[in-house]
PDB file of N, CA and C in Angstrom:
ATOM      1  N   MET A   1     -81.802 -59.612 -33.755  1.00  0.00           N
ATOM      2  CA  MET A   1     -83.009 -59.951 -34.489  1.00  0.00           C
ATOM      3  C   MET A   1     -83.093 -59.069 -35.741  1.00  0.00           C
ATOM      4  N   ALA A   2     -83.396 -59.663 -36.848  1.00  0.00           N
ATOM      5  CA  ALA A   2     -83.447 -58.940 -38.120  1.00  0.00           C
ATOM      6  C   ALA A   2     -84.713 -58.092 -38.205  1.00  0.00           C
ATOM      7  N   ARG A   3     -84.563 -56.940 -38.850  1.00  0.00           N
ATOM      8  CA  ARG A   3     -85.712 -56.068 -39.050  1.00  0.00           C
ATOM      9  C   ARG A   3     -86.592 -56.624 -40.160  1.00  0.00           C
ATOM     10  N   PRO A   4     -87.908 -56.437 -40.064  1.00  0.00           N
ATOM     11  CA  PRO A   4     -88.783 -56.929 -41.137  1.00  0.00           C
ATOM     12  C   PRO A   4     -88.577 -56.113 -42.413  1.00  0.00           C
ATOM     13  N   LEU A   5     -88.754 -56.766 -43.537  1.00  0.00           N
ATOM     14  CA  LEU A   5     -88.628 -56.085 -44.823  1.00  0.00           C
ATOM     15  C   LEU A   5     -89.781 -55.113 -45.018  1.00  0.00           C
ATOM     16  N   ARG A   6     -89.457 -53.952 -45.563  1.00  0.00           N
ATOM     17  CA  ARG A   6     -90.483 -52.963 -45.846  1.00  0.00           C
ATOM     18  C   ARG A   6     -90.628 -52.808 -47.349  1.00  0.00           C
ATOM     19  N   PHE A   7     -91.790 -52.349 -47.766  1.00  0.00           N
ATOM     20  CA  PHE A   7     -92.130 -52.275 -49.187  1.00  0.00           C
ATOM     21  C   PHE A   7     -91.339 -51.202 -49.934  1.00  0.00           C
ATOM     22  N   LYS A   8     -91.204 -50.018 -49.344  1.00  0.00           N
ATOM     23  CA  LYS A   8     -90.572 -48.902 -50.053  1.00  0.00           C
ATOM     24  C   LYS A   8     -89.130 -49.177 -50.468  1.00  0.00           C
ATOM     25  N   PRO A   9     -88.262 -49.648 -49.570  1.00  0.00           N
ATOM     26  CA  PRO A   9     -86.889 -49.925 -50.017  1.00  0.00           C
ATOM     27  C   PRO A   9     -86.816 -50.996 -51.110  1.00  0.00           C
ATOM     28  N   ILE A  10     -87.712 -51.964 -51.050  1.00  0.00           N
ATOM     29  CA  ILE A  10     -87.734 -52.988 -52.099  1.00  0.00           C
ATOM     30  C   ILE A  10     -88.141 -52.350 -53.422  1.00  0.00           C
ATOM     31  N   LEU A  11     -89.173 -51.515 -53.400  1.00  0.00           N
ATOM     32  CA  LEU A  11     -89.614 -50.821 -54.613  1.00  0.00           C
ATOM     33  C   LEU A  11     -88.506 -49.933 -55.167  1.00  0.00           C
ATOM     34  N   TYR A  12     -87.869 -49.145 -54.305  1.00  0.00           N
ATOM     35  CA  TYR A  12     -86.788 -48.269 -54.743  1.00  0.00           C
ATOM     36  C   TYR A  12     -85.661 -49.073 -55.381  1.00  0.00           C
ATOM     37  N   SER A  13     -85.292 -50.172 -54.748  1.00  0.00           N
ATOM     38  CA  SER A  13     -84.192 -50.995 -55.250  1.00  0.00           C
ATOM     39  C   SER A  13     -84.518 -51.611 -56.598  1.00  0.00           C
ATOM     40  N   VAL A  14     -85.741 -52.113 -56.743  1.00  0.00           N
ATOM     41  CA  VAL A  14     -86.135 -52.735 -58.006  1.00  0.00           C
ATOM     42  C   VAL A  14     -86.158 -51.707 -59.127  1.00  0.00           C
ATOM     43  N   VAL A  15     -86.718 -50.532 -58.870  1.00  0.00           N
ATOM     44  CA  VAL A  15     -86.781 -49.486 -59.901  1.00  0.00           C
ATOM     45  C   VAL A  15     -85.377 -49.052 -60.305  1.00  0.00           C
ATOM     46  N   ILE A  16     -84.496 -48.831 -59.343  1.00  0.00           N
ATOM     47  CA  ILE A  16     -83.130 -48.396 -59.654  1.00  0.00           C
ATOM     48  C   ILE A  16     -82.403 -49.464 -60.454  1.00  0.00           C
ATOM     49  N   ALA A  17     -82.518 -50.728 -60.046  1.00  0.00           N
ATOM     50  CA  ALA A  17     -81.802 -51.806 -60.729  1.00  0.00           C
ATOM     51  C   ALA A  17     -82.341 -52.038 -62.138  1.00  0.00           C
ATOM     52  N   VAL A  18     -83.660 -52.123 -62.292  1.00  0.00           N
ATOM     53  CA  VAL A  18     -84.240 -52.399 -63.608  1.00  0.00           C
ATOM     54  C   VAL A  18     -83.990 -51.228 -64.566  1.00  0.00           C
ATOM     55  N   ALA A  19     -84.200 -50.012 -64.097  1.00  0.00           N
ATOM     56  CA  ALA A  19     -83.970 -48.847 -64.962  1.00  0.00           C
ATOM     57  C   ALA A  19     -82.490 -48.721 -65.317  1.00  0.00           C
ATOM     58  N   GLY A  20     -81.609 -48.974 -64.370  1.00  0.00           N
ATOM     59  CA  GLY A  20     -80.174 -48.907 -64.643  1.00  0.00           C
ATOM     60  C   GLY A  20     -79.730 -49.937 -65.661  1.00  0.00           C
ATOM     61  N   LEU A  21     -80.231 -51.157 -65.538  1.00  0.00           N
ATOM     62  CA  LEU A  21     -79.889 -52.190 -66.519  1.00  0.00           C
ATOM     63  C   LEU A  21     -80.445 -51.844 -67.893  1.00  0.00           C
ATOM     64  N   ASP A  22     -81.634 -51.281 -67.935  1.00  0.00           N
ATOM     65  CA  ASP A  22     -82.222 -50.895 -69.218  1.00  0.00           C
ATOM     66  C   ASP A  22     -81.417 -49.769 -69.871  1.00  0.00           C
ATOM     67  N   ILE A  23     -81.015 -48.798 -69.097  1.00  0.00           N
ATOM     68  CA  ILE A  23     -80.232 -47.689 -69.642  1.00  0.00           C
ATOM     69  C   ILE A  23     -78.874 -48.191 -70.133  1.00  0.00           C
ATOM     70  N   TYR A  24     -78.222 -49.062 -69.364  1.00  0.00           N
ATOM     71  CA  TYR A  24     -76.947 -49.609 -69.814  1.00  0.00           C
ATOM     72  C   TYR A  24     -77.126 -50.452 -71.073  1.00  0.00           C
ATOM     73  N   TRP A  25     -78.239 -51.169 -71.160  1.00  0.00           N
ATOM     74  CA  TRP A  25     -78.509 -51.960 -72.366  1.00  0.00           C
ATOM     75  C   TRP A  25     -78.628 -51.047 -73.586  1.00  0.00           C
ATOM     76  N   HIS A  26     -79.319 -49.918 -73.428  1.00  0.00           N
ATOM     77  CA  HIS A  26     -79.443 -48.969 -74.538  1.00  0.00           C
ATOM     78  C   HIS A  26     -78.094 -48.337 -74.891  1.00  0.00           C
ATOM     79  N   LEU A  27     -77.272 -48.047 -73.894  1.00  0.00           N
ATOM     80  CA  LEU A  27     -75.942 -47.508 -74.176  1.00  0.00           C
ATOM     81  C   LEU A  27     -75.088 -48.528 -74.926  1.00  0.00           C
ATOM     82  N   TYR A  28     -75.207 -49.788 -74.539  1.00  0.00           N
ATOM     83  CA  TYR A  28     -74.403 -50.841 -75.179  1.00  0.00           C
ATOM     84  C   TYR A  28     -74.886 -51.134 -76.596  1.00  0.00           C
ATOM     85  N   THR A  29     -76.189 -51.327 -76.762  1.00  0.00           N
ATOM     86  CA  THR A  29     -76.699 -51.665 -78.093  1.00  0.00           C
ATOM     87  C   THR A  29     -76.655 -50.473 -79.043  1.00  0.00           C
ATOM     88  N   GLY A  30     -76.652 -49.259 -78.513  1.00  0.00           N
ATOM     89  CA  GLY A  30     -76.528 -48.082 -79.357  1.00  0.00           C
ATOM     90  C   GLY A  30     -75.102 -47.835 -79.803  1.00  0.00           C
ATOM     91  N   GLY A  31     -74.152 -48.607 -79.298  1.00  0.00           N
ATOM     92  CA  GLY A  31     -72.775 -48.498 -79.718  1.00  0.00           C
ATOM     93  C   GLY A  31     -71.947 -47.509 -78.925  1.00  0.00           C
ATOM     94  N   TRP A  32     -72.578 -46.809 -77.962  1.00  0.00           N
ATOM     95  CA  TRP A  32     -71.830 -45.785 -77.256  1.00  0.00           C
ATOM     96  C   TRP A  32     -70.744 -46.397 -76.374  1.00  0.00           C
ATOM     97  N   LEU A  33     -71.033 -47.486 -75.682  1.00  0.00           N
ATOM     98  CA  LEU A  33     -70.043 -48.089 -74.793  1.00  0.00           C
ATOM     99  C   LEU A  33     -68.961 -48.845 -75.552  1.00  0.00           C
ATOM    100  N   THR A  34     -69.230 -49.220 -76.800  1.00  0.00           N
ATOM    101  CA  THR A  34     -68.282 -50.018 -77.566  1.00  0.00           C
ATOM    102  C   THR A  34     -67.584 -49.230 -78.659  1.00  0.00           C
ATOM    103  N   ASN A  35     -67.848 -47.934 -78.773  1.00  0.00           N
ATOM    104  CA  ASN A  35     -67.263 -47.114 -79.826  1.00  0.00           C
ATOM    105  C   ASN A  35     -65.850 -46.680 -79.425  1.00  0.00           C
ATOM    106  N   PRO A  36     -64.811 -47.144 -80.155  1.00  0.00           N
ATOM    107  CA  PRO A  36     -63.433 -46.755 -79.782  1.00  0.00           C
ATOM    108  C   PRO A  36     -63.097 -45.323 -80.172  1.00  0.00           C
ATOM    109  N   TYR A  37     -63.934 -44.665 -80.961  1.00  0.00           N
ATOM    110  CA  TYR A  37     -63.639 -43.324 -81.444  1.00  0.00           C
ATOM    111  C   TYR A  37     -64.335 -42.233 -80.635  1.00  0.00           C
ATOM    112  N   TYR A  38     -64.931 -42.576 -79.514  1.00  0.00           N
ATOM    113  CA  TYR A  38     -65.614 -41.567 -78.707  1.00  0.00           C
ATOM    114  C   TYR A  38     -64.596 -40.639 -78.063  1.00  0.00           C
ATOM    115  N   ARG A  39     -64.876 -39.358 -78.067  1.00  0.00           N
ATOM    116  CA  ARG A  39     -64.025 -38.349 -77.435  1.00  0.00           C
ATOM    117  C   ARG A  39     -64.852 -37.550 -76.434  1.00  0.00           C
ATOM    118  N   LEU A  40     -64.192 -36.964 -75.442  1.00  0.00           N
ATOM    119  CA  LEU A  40     -64.907 -36.221 -74.406  1.00  0.00           C
ATOM    120  C   LEU A  40     -65.560 -34.952 -74.927  1.00  0.00           C
ATOM    121  N   ASN A  41     -65.139 -34.443 -76.084  1.00  0.00           N
ATOM    122  CA  ASN A  41     -65.783 -33.251 -76.626  1.00  0.00           C
ATOM    123  C   ASN A  41     -66.954 -33.601 -77.535  1.00  0.00           C
ATOM    124  N   ASP A  42     -67.379 -34.843 -77.510  1.00  0.00           N
ATOM    125  CA  ASP A  42     -68.543 -35.288 -78.276  1.00  0.00           C
ATOM    126  C   ASP A  42     -69.781 -34.561 -77.738  1.00  0.00           C
ATOM    127  N   PRO A  43     -70.671 -34.094 -78.622  1.00  0.00           N
ATOM    128  CA  PRO A  43     -71.868 -33.386 -78.130  1.00  0.00           C
ATOM    129  C   PRO A  43     -72.818 -34.297 -77.354  1.00  0.00           C
ATOM    130  N   ASP A  44     -72.624 -35.589 -77.432  1.00  0.00           N
ATOM    131  CA  ASP A  44     -73.497 -36.528 -76.728  1.00  0.00           C
ATOM    132  C   ASP A  44     -72.900 -36.898 -75.370  1.00  0.00           C
ATOM    133  N   ILE A  45     -72.448 -35.901 -74.624  1.00  0.00           N
ATOM    134  CA  ILE A  45     -71.783 -36.114 -73.346  1.00  0.00           C
ATOM    135  C   ILE A  45     -72.747 -36.660 -72.287  1.00  0.00           C
ATOM    136  N   VAL A  46     -74.037 -36.574 -72.533  1.00  0.00           N
ATOM    137  CA  VAL A  46     -75.028 -37.102 -71.587  1.00  0.00           C
ATOM    138  C   VAL A  46     -74.808 -38.596 -71.367  1.00  0.00           C
ATOM    139  N   ASN A  47     -74.392 -39.289 -72.410  1.00  0.00           N
ATOM    140  CA  ASN A  47     -74.127 -40.722 -72.275  1.00  0.00           C
ATOM    141  C   ASN A  47     -72.995 -40.992 -71.301  1.00  0.00           C
ATOM    142  N   LEU A  48     -71.987 -40.134 -71.284  1.00  0.00           N
ATOM    143  CA  LEU A  48     -70.898 -40.302 -70.325  1.00  0.00           C
ATOM    144  C   LEU A  48     -71.409 -40.142 -68.900  1.00  0.00           C
ATOM    145  N   VAL A  49     -72.263 -39.165 -68.690  1.00  0.00           N
ATOM    146  CA  VAL A  49     -72.838 -38.958 -67.356  1.00  0.00           C
ATOM    147  C   VAL A  49     -73.635 -40.188 -66.939  1.00  0.00           C
ATOM    148  N   LEU A  50     -74.433 -40.733 -67.851  1.00  0.00           N
ATOM    149  CA  LEU A  50     -75.218 -41.929 -67.535  1.00  0.00           C
ATOM    150  C   LEU A  50     -74.320 -43.129 -67.278  1.00  0.00           C
ATOM    151  N   ALA A  51     -73.270 -43.284 -68.073  1.00  0.00           N
ATOM    152  CA  ALA A  51     -72.372 -44.428 -67.913  1.00  0.00           C
ATOM    153  C   ALA A  51     -71.643 -44.386 -66.570  1.00  0.00           C
ATOM    154  N   VAL A  52     -71.420 -43.201 -66.030  1.00  0.00           N
ATOM    155  CA  VAL A  52     -70.771 -43.073 -64.722  1.00  0.00           C
ATOM    156  C   VAL A  52     -71.799 -43.161 -63.596  1.00  0.00           C
ATOM    157  N   LEU A  53     -72.953 -42.558 -63.785  1.00  0.00           N
ATOM    158  CA  LEU A  53     -73.949 -42.449 -62.724  1.00  0.00           C
ATOM    159  C   LEU A  53     -74.659 -43.777 -62.416  1.00  0.00           C
ATOM    160  N   GLU A  54     -74.963 -44.559 -63.434  1.00  0.00           N
ATOM    161  CA  GLU A  54     -75.732 -45.787 -63.206  1.00  0.00           C
ATOM    162  C   GLU A  54     -75.033 -46.792 -62.286  1.00  0.00           C
ATOM    163  N   PRO A  55     -73.727 -47.042 -62.446  1.00  0.00           N
ATOM    164  CA  PRO A  55     -73.088 -47.953 -61.475  1.00  0.00           C
ATOM    165  C   PRO A  55     -73.076 -47.399 -60.054  1.00  0.00           C
ATOM    166  N   ILE A  56     -72.972 -46.073 -59.928  1.00  0.00           N
ATOM    167  CA  ILE A  56     -73.002 -45.477 -58.585  1.00  0.00           C
ATOM    168  C   ILE A  56     -74.361 -45.710 -57.938  1.00  0.00           C
ATOM    169  N   LEU A  57     -75.430 -45.520 -58.709  1.00  0.00           N
ATOM    170  CA  LEU A  57     -76.772 -45.754 -58.172  1.00  0.00           C
ATOM    171  C   LEU A  57     -76.953 -47.221 -57.795  1.00  0.00           C
ATOM    172  N   PHE A  58     -76.404 -48.114 -58.604  1.00  0.00           N
ATOM    173  CA  PHE A  58     -76.503 -49.540 -58.280  1.00  0.00           C
ATOM    174  C   PHE A  58     -75.719 -49.871 -57.012  1.00  0.00           C
ATOM    175  N   LEU A  59     -74.576 -49.230 -56.813  1.00  0.00           N
ATOM    176  CA  LEU A  59     -73.807 -49.442 -55.584  1.00  0.00           C
ATOM    177  C   LEU A  59     -74.549 -48.915 -54.352  1.00  0.00           C
ATOM    178  N   VAL A  60     -75.343 -47.872 -54.526  1.00  0.00           N
ATOM    179  CA  VAL A  60     -76.169 -47.377 -53.418  1.00  0.00           C
ATOM    180  C   VAL A  60     -77.159 -48.452 -52.985  1.00  0.00           C
ATOM    181  N   VAL A  61     -77.748 -49.144 -53.958  1.00  0.00           N
ATOM    182  CA  VAL A  61     -78.682 -50.230 -53.642  1.00  0.00           C
ATOM    183  C   VAL A  61     -77.966 -51.329 -52.872  1.00  0.00           C
ATOM    184  N   VAL A  62     -76.802 -51.727 -53.335  1.00  0.00           N
ATOM    185  CA  VAL A  62     -76.040 -52.785 -52.654  1.00  0.00           C
ATOM    186  C   VAL A  62     -75.654 -52.341 -51.242  1.00  0.00           C
ATOM    187  N   ALA A  63     -75.195 -51.108 -51.105  1.00  0.00           N
ATOM    188  CA  ALA A  63     -74.797 -50.604 -49.788  1.00  0.00           C
ATOM    189  C   ALA A  63     -75.991 -50.558 -48.836  1.00  0.00           C
ATOM    190  N   TYR A  64     -77.152 -50.176 -49.352  1.00  0.00           N
ATOM    191  CA  TYR A  64     -78.335 -50.144 -48.475  1.00  0.00           C
ATOM    192  C   TYR A  64     -78.644 -51.534 -47.947  1.00  0.00           C
ATOM    193  N   TRP A  65     -78.647 -52.524 -48.834  1.00  0.00           N
ATOM    194  CA  TRP A  65     -79.034 -53.865 -48.398  1.00  0.00           C
ATOM    195  C   TRP A  65     -77.962 -54.532 -47.543  1.00  0.00           C
ATOM    196  N   LEU A  66     -76.734 -54.042 -47.602  1.00  0.00           N
ATOM    197  CA  LEU A  66     -75.708 -54.566 -46.700  1.00  0.00           C
ATOM    198  C   LEU A  66     -75.797 -53.940 -45.311  1.00  0.00           C
ATOM    199  N   THR A  67     -76.238 -52.692 -45.224  1.00  0.00           N
ATOM    200  CA  THR A  67     -76.270 -52.008 -43.930  1.00  0.00           C
ATOM    201  C   THR A  67     -77.683 -51.775 -43.398  1.00  0.00           C
ATOM    202  N   THR A  68     -78.636 -51.515 -44.257  1.00  0.00           N
ATOM    203  CA  THR A  68     -80.026 -51.148 -43.919  1.00  0.00           C
ATOM    204  C   THR A  68     -80.102 -50.054 -42.847  1.00  0.00           C
ATOM    205  N   SER A  69     -79.225 -49.078 -42.941  1.00  0.00           N
ATOM    206  CA  SER A  69     -79.250 -47.976 -41.979  1.00  0.00           C
ATOM    207  C   SER A  69     -80.173 -46.867 -42.484  1.00  0.00           C
ATOM    208  N   ALA A  70     -80.537 -45.984 -41.578  1.00  0.00           N
ATOM    209  CA  ALA A  70     -81.428 -44.874 -41.936  1.00  0.00           C
ATOM    210  C   ALA A  70     -80.752 -43.921 -42.922  1.00  0.00           C
ATOM    211  N   LEU A  71     -79.451 -43.727 -42.781  1.00  0.00           N
ATOM    212  CA  LEU A  71     -78.730 -42.863 -43.699  1.00  0.00           C
ATOM    213  C   LEU A  71     -78.799 -43.410 -45.124  1.00  0.00           C
ATOM    214  N   PHE A  72     -78.534 -44.693 -45.270  1.00  0.00           N
ATOM    215  CA  PHE A  72     -78.579 -45.283 -46.608  1.00  0.00           C
ATOM    216  C   PHE A  72     -80.004 -45.375 -47.141  1.00  0.00           C
ATOM    217  N   GLN A  73     -80.986 -45.420 -46.247  1.00  0.00           N
ATOM    218  CA  GLN A  73     -82.365 -45.399 -46.728  1.00  0.00           C
ATOM    219  C   GLN A  73     -82.690 -44.034 -47.347  1.00  0.00           C
ATOM    220  N   ARG A  74     -82.196 -42.957 -46.756  1.00  0.00           N
ATOM    221  CA  ARG A  74     -82.390 -41.630 -47.352  1.00  0.00           C
ATOM    222  C   ARG A  74     -81.651 -41.501 -48.680  1.00  0.00           C
ATOM    223  N   ILE A  75     -80.428 -42.004 -48.720  1.00  0.00           N
ATOM    224  CA  ILE A  75     -79.656 -41.964 -49.965  1.00  0.00           C
ATOM    225  C   ILE A  75     -80.342 -42.814 -51.031  1.00  0.00           C
ATOM    226  N   LEU A  76     -80.897 -43.950 -50.638  1.00  0.00           N
ATOM    227  CA  LEU A  76     -81.634 -44.807 -51.574  1.00  0.00           C
ATOM    228  C   LEU A  76     -82.859 -44.078 -52.122  1.00  0.00           C
ATOM    229  N   PHE A  77     -83.559 -43.348 -51.270  1.00  0.00           N
ATOM    230  CA  PHE A  77     -84.730 -42.603 -51.720  1.00  0.00           C
ATOM    231  C   PHE A  77     -84.342 -41.551 -52.749  1.00  0.00           C
ATOM    232  N   TRP A  78     -83.284 -40.774 -52.479  1.00  0.00           N
ATOM    233  CA  TRP A  78     -82.876 -39.737 -53.424  1.00  0.00           C
ATOM    234  C   TRP A  78     -82.297 -40.334 -54.702  1.00  0.00           C
ATOM    235  N   SER A  79     -81.691 -41.501 -54.610  1.00  0.00           N
ATOM    236  CA  SER A  79     -81.240 -42.207 -55.811  1.00  0.00           C
ATOM    237  C   SER A  79     -82.439 -42.646 -56.645  1.00  0.00           C
ATOM    238  N   PHE A  80     -83.496 -43.062 -55.977  1.00  0.00           N
ATOM    239  CA  PHE A  80     -84.736 -43.442 -56.656  1.00  0.00           C
ATOM    240  C   PHE A  80     -85.327 -42.236 -57.393  1.00  0.00           C
ATOM    241  N   ILE A  81     -85.354 -41.082 -56.738  1.00  0.00           N
ATOM    242  CA  ILE A  81     -85.870 -39.861 -57.374  1.00  0.00           C
ATOM    243  C   ILE A  81     -85.015 -39.496 -58.583  1.00  0.00           C
ATOM    244  N   LEU A  82     -83.697 -39.567 -58.443  1.00  0.00           N
ATOM    245  CA  LEU A  82     -82.796 -39.271 -59.557  1.00  0.00           C
ATOM    246  C   LEU A  82     -83.019 -40.234 -60.719  1.00  0.00           C
ATOM    247  N   GLN A  83     -83.194 -41.507 -60.412  1.00  0.00           N
ATOM    248  CA  GLN A  83     -83.445 -42.496 -61.462  1.00  0.00           C
ATOM    249  C   GLN A  83     -84.771 -42.224 -62.164  1.00  0.00           C
ATOM    250  N   LEU A  84     -85.779 -41.816 -61.413  1.00  0.00           N
ATOM    251  CA  LEU A  84     -87.055 -41.459 -62.044  1.00  0.00           C
ATOM    252  C   LEU A  84     -86.903 -40.261 -62.968  1.00  0.00           C
ATOM    253  N   LEU A  85     -86.119 -39.269 -62.571  1.00  0.00           N
ATOM    254  CA  LEU A  85     -85.886 -38.108 -63.429  1.00  0.00           C
ATOM    255  C   LEU A  85     -85.156 -38.503 -64.712  1.00  0.00           C
ATOM    256  N   ILE A  86     -84.200 -39.412 -64.601  1.00  0.00           N
ATOM    257  CA  ILE A  86     -83.493 -39.910 -65.786  1.00  0.00           C
ATOM    258  C   ILE A  86     -84.467 -40.636 -66.707  1.00  0.00           C
ATOM    259  N   CYS A  87     -85.325 -41.466 -66.141  1.00  0.00           N
ATOM    260  CA  CYS A  87     -86.310 -42.199 -66.952  1.00  0.00           C
ATOM    261  C   CYS A  87     -87.305 -41.246 -67.606  1.00  0.00           C
ATOM    262  N   ILE A  88     -87.729 -40.226 -66.898  1.00  0.00           N
ATOM    263  CA  ILE A  88     -88.631 -39.227 -67.488  1.00  0.00           C
ATOM    264  C   ILE A  88     -87.936 -38.515 -68.642  1.00  0.00           C
ATOM    265  N   GLY A  89     -86.657 -38.202 -68.479  1.00  0.00           N
ATOM    266  CA  GLY A  89     -85.892 -37.573 -69.552  1.00  0.00           C
ATOM    267  C   GLY A  89     -85.819 -38.457 -70.786  1.00  0.00           C
ATOM    268  N   PHE A  90     -85.538 -39.746 -70.593  1.00  0.00           N
ATOM    269  CA  PHE A  90     -85.525 -40.686 -71.713  1.00  0.00           C
ATOM    270  C   PHE A  90     -86.884 -40.729 -72.383  1.00  0.00           C
ATOM    271  N   GLY A  91     -87.930 -40.801 -71.586  1.00  0.00           N
ATOM    272  CA  GLY A  91     -89.284 -40.858 -72.140  1.00  0.00           C
ATOM    273  C   GLY A  91     -89.631 -39.619 -72.939  1.00  0.00           C
ATOM    274  N   LEU A  92     -89.232 -38.450 -72.447  1.00  0.00           N
ATOM    275  CA  LEU A  92     -89.513 -37.209 -73.174  1.00  0.00           C
ATOM    276  C   LEU A  92     -88.757 -37.140 -74.498  1.00  0.00           C
ATOM    277  N   VAL A  93     -87.518 -37.613 -74.521  1.00  0.00           N
ATOM    278  CA  VAL A  93     -86.755 -37.630 -75.777  1.00  0.00           C
ATOM    279  C   VAL A  93     -87.410 -38.568 -76.780  1.00  0.00           C
ATOM    280  N   ILE A  94     -87.832 -39.728 -76.325  1.00  0.00           N
ATOM    281  CA  ILE A  94     -88.503 -40.677 -77.224  1.00  0.00           C
ATOM    282  C   ILE A  94     -89.824 -40.089 -77.710  1.00  0.00           C
ATOM    283  N   LEU A  95     -90.578 -39.468 -76.815  1.00  0.00           N
ATOM    284  CA  LEU A  95     -91.844 -38.840 -77.208  1.00  0.00           C
ATOM    285  C   LEU A  95     -91.620 -37.705 -78.206  1.00  0.00           C
ATOM    286  N   LEU A  96     -90.594 -36.898 -77.981  1.00  0.00           N
ATOM    287  CA  LEU A  96     -90.267 -35.828 -78.916  1.00  0.00           C
ATOM    288  C   LEU A  96     -89.924 -36.389 -80.292  1.00  0.00           C
ATOM    289  N   PHE A  97     -89.168 -37.476 -80.315  1.00  0.00           N
ATOM    290  CA  PHE A  97     -88.826 -38.113 -81.592  1.00  0.00           C
ATOM    291  C   PHE A  97     -90.080 -38.627 -82.297  1.00  0.00           C
ATOM    292  N   VAL A  98     -90.952 -39.283 -81.558  1.00  0.00           N
ATOM    293  CA  VAL A  98     -92.173 -39.845 -82.155  1.00  0.00           C
ATOM    294  C   VAL A  98     -93.070 -38.732 -82.696  1.00  0.00           C
ATOM    295  N   LEU A  99     -93.168 -37.645 -81.965  1.00  0.00           N
ATOM    296  CA  LEU A  99     -94.065 -36.563 -82.386  1.00  0.00           C
ATOM    297  C   LEU A  99     -93.517 -35.731 -83.542  1.00  0.00           C
ATOM    298  N   THR A 100     -92.207 -35.714 -83.728  1.00  0.00           N
ATOM    299  CA  THR A 100     -91.621 -34.872 -84.770  1.00  0.00           C
ATOM    300  C   THR A 100     -91.085 -35.647 -85.966  1.00  0.00           C
ATOM    301  N   TRP A 101     -91.144 -36.961 -85.938  1.00  0.00           N
ATOM    302  CA  TRP A 101     -90.575 -37.763 -87.032  1.00  0.00           C
ATOM    303  C   TRP A 101     -91.537 -37.768 -88.213  1.00  0.00           C
ATOM    304  N   HIS A 102     -90.981 -37.561 -89.377  1.00  0.00           N
ATOM    305  CA  HIS A 102     -91.752 -37.630 -90.623  1.00  0.00           C
ATOM    306  C   HIS A 102     -91.028 -38.567 -91.564  1.00  0.00           C
ATOM    307  N   ALA A 103     -91.784 -39.493 -92.133  1.00  0.00           N
ATOM    308  CA  ALA A 103     -91.181 -40.415 -93.102  1.00  0.00           C
ATOM    309  C   ALA A 103     -90.830 -39.651 -94.364  1.00  0.00           C
ATOM    310  N   ARG A 104     -89.680 -39.931 -94.911  1.00  0.00           N
ATOM    311  CA  ARG A 104     -89.260 -39.291 -96.155  1.00  0.00           C
ATOM    312  C   ARG A 104     -89.588 -40.229 -97.310  1.00  0.00           C
ATOM    313  N   LEU A 105     -90.436 -39.769 -98.156  1.00  0.00           N
ATOM    314  CA  LEU A 105     -90.811 -40.562 -99.322  1.00  0.00           C
ATOM    315  C   LEU A 105     -90.029 -40.071-100.514  1.00  0.00           C
ATOM    316  N   MET A 106     -89.576 -40.982-101.320  1.00  0.00           N
ATOM    317  CA  MET A 106     -88.798 -40.588-102.490  1.00  0.00           C
ATOM    318  C   MET A 106     -89.650 -40.276-103.662  1.00  0.00           C
TER     319      MET A 106
END
């Protein structure tokens, strides 16, 4: 008999998937994923971490829904927390840009 669906794993999965797709969209449209001249000593190494981490987080979601075990539920929860921290980091960078940007008039 199948276990009933619970709200928390659905919420965690949706947040991880939507945030991951949004982050990958920003990496792609910003040119980072399509730039042939990127090198590992680039100061923007955070993008490399995100490009590796987001598919792993998405695989955690898939693994949870294939097994629905207690172990994967804990891993899903910590993946959700990690994704929230990444989103907060993005938000803070955008907020910092908005608060410090000054238009240059000629």
